[in-house]
Amino acid sequence: MTVSLPLVLVLGVIAWTAIKFLGVRLWVVGVVALFGFHLNQTFLAPAIDSGTKTGVDIVNGPHQP
């Protein structure tokens, strides 16, 4: 079974959980988000993209025809 969720929703839930239960400040979440946008424009973007896709494939498990 494959579940499709928007990435913004997943990141929002993670940010809310970090703020609520881990005591992370809201400005720290904002800085991390802005740093992610900055990384998107660097030479590291292809490596991050392939690593993310590999992680998703591992979580989803083997594909069945």
C-alpha atoms as a PDB file:
ATOM      1  CA  MET A   1       0.000   0.000   0.000  1.00  0.00           C
ATOM      2  CA  THR A   2       1.371   3.399  -0.964  1.00  0.00           C
ATOM      3  CA  VAL A   3       0.304   6.538   0.869  1.00  0.00           C
ATOM      4  CA  SER A   4       0.763   9.873  -0.860  1.00  0.00           C
ATOM      5  CA  LEU A   5       1.141  12.929   1.385  1.00  0.00           C
ATOM      6  CA  PRO A   6       2.275  16.416   0.449  1.00  0.00           C
ATOM      7  CA  LEU A   7       5.801  17.109   1.687  1.00  0.00           C
ATOM      8  CA  VAL A   8       4.678  20.397   3.239  1.00  0.00           C
ATOM      9  CA  LEU A   9       2.187  18.519   5.423  1.00  0.00           C
ATOM     10  CA  VAL A  10       4.806  16.030   6.591  1.00  0.00           C
ATOM     11  CA  LEU A  11       7.333  18.771   7.351  1.00  0.00           C
ATOM     12  CA  GLY A  12       4.669  20.805   9.130  1.00  0.00           C
ATOM     13  CA  VAL A  13       3.817  17.878  11.401  1.00  0.00           C
ATOM     14  CA  ILE A  14       7.500  17.300  12.145  1.00  0.00           C
ATOM     15  CA  ALA A  15       8.007  21.004  12.923  1.00  0.00           C
ATOM     16  CA  TRP A  16       4.919  21.119  15.158  1.00  0.00           C
ATOM     17  CA  THR A  17       6.085  17.997  17.017  1.00  0.00           C
ATOM     18  CA  ALA A  18       9.559  19.455  17.509  1.00  0.00           C
ATOM     19  CA  ILE A  19       8.138  22.728  18.841  1.00  0.00           C
ATOM     20  CA  LYS A  20       5.530  21.072  21.063  1.00  0.00           C
ATOM     21  CA  PHE A  21       7.452  18.161  22.572  1.00  0.00           C
ATOM     22  CA  LEU A  22      11.165  18.899  22.112  1.00  0.00           C
ATOM     23  CA  GLY A  23      11.071  22.563  23.051  1.00  0.00           C
ATOM     24  CA  VAL A  24      12.563  23.762  19.762  1.00  0.00           C
ATOM     25  CA  ARG A  25      12.042  27.474  19.242  1.00  0.00           C
ATOM     26  CA  LEU A  26       9.988  28.672  16.285  1.00  0.00           C
ATOM     27  CA  TRP A  27      12.867  30.785  14.946  1.00  0.00           C
ATOM     28  CA  VAL A  28      15.087  27.667  14.811  1.00  0.00           C
ATOM     29  CA  VAL A  29      12.500  25.928  12.627  1.00  0.00           C
ATOM     30  CA  GLY A  30      12.454  28.983  10.364  1.00  0.00           C
ATOM     31  CA  VAL A  31      16.246  29.064  10.071  1.00  0.00           C
ATOM     32  CA  VAL A  32      16.366  25.354   9.219  1.00  0.00           C
ATOM     33  CA  ALA A  33      13.679  25.828   6.552  1.00  0.00           C
ATOM     34  CA  LEU A  34      15.538  28.777   5.007  1.00  0.00           C
ATOM     35  CA  PHE A  35      18.792  26.806   5.059  1.00  0.00           C
ATOM     36  CA  GLY A  36      17.011  24.009   3.184  1.00  0.00           C
ATOM     37  CA  PHE A  37      15.940  26.458   0.493  1.00  0.00           C
ATOM     38  CA  HIS A  38      19.536  27.687   0.285  1.00  0.00           C
ATOM     39  CA  LEU A  39      20.860  24.123  -0.102  1.00  0.00           C
ATOM     40  CA  ASN A  40      18.422  23.595  -2.953  1.00  0.00           C
ATOM     41  CA  GLN A  41      20.414  26.070  -5.055  1.00  0.00           C
ATOM     42  CA  THR A  42      23.859  24.524  -4.418  1.00  0.00           C
ATOM     43  CA  PHE A  43      25.817  21.657  -5.932  1.00  0.00           C
ATOM     44  CA  LEU A  44      24.549  19.409  -3.105  1.00  0.00           C
ATOM     45  CA  ALA A  45      20.987  19.399  -4.444  1.00  0.00           C
ATOM     46  CA  PRO A  46      21.378  16.281  -6.674  1.00  0.00           C
ATOM     47  CA  ALA A  47      22.929  14.300  -3.808  1.00  0.00           C
ATOM     48  CA  ILE A  48      20.142  15.325  -1.427  1.00  0.00           C
ATOM     49  CA  ASP A  49      17.515  14.460  -4.049  1.00  0.00           C
ATOM     50  CA  SER A  50      18.912  10.985  -4.736  1.00  0.00           C
ATOM     51  CA  GLY A  51      19.349  10.304  -1.024  1.00  0.00           C
ATOM     52  CA  THR A  52      15.750  11.303  -0.356  1.00  0.00           C
ATOM     53  CA  LYS A  53      14.459   9.093  -3.172  1.00  0.00           C
ATOM     54  CA  THR A  54      16.527   6.157  -1.909  1.00  0.00           C
ATOM     55  CA  GLY A  55      15.166   6.653   1.607  1.00  0.00           C
ATOM     56  CA  VAL A  56      11.593   6.721   0.320  1.00  0.00           C
ATOM     57  CA  ASP A  57      12.198   3.536  -1.679  1.00  0.00           C
ATOM     58  CA  ILE A  58      13.584   1.819   1.436  1.00  0.00           C
ATOM     59  CA  VAL A  59      10.573   2.874   3.523  1.00  0.00           C
ATOM     60  CA  ASN A  60       8.082   1.824   0.825  1.00  0.00           C
ATOM     61  CA  GLY A  61       9.694  -1.593   0.422  1.00  0.00           C
ATOM     62  CA  PRO A  62       9.961  -3.676  -2.709  1.00  0.00           C
ATOM     63  CA  HIS A  63       7.622  -2.835  -5.573  1.00  0.00           C
ATOM     64  CA  GLN A  64       5.108  -5.504  -6.484  1.00  0.00           C
ATOM     65  CA  PRO A  65       3.924  -5.815 -10.086  1.00  0.00           C
END
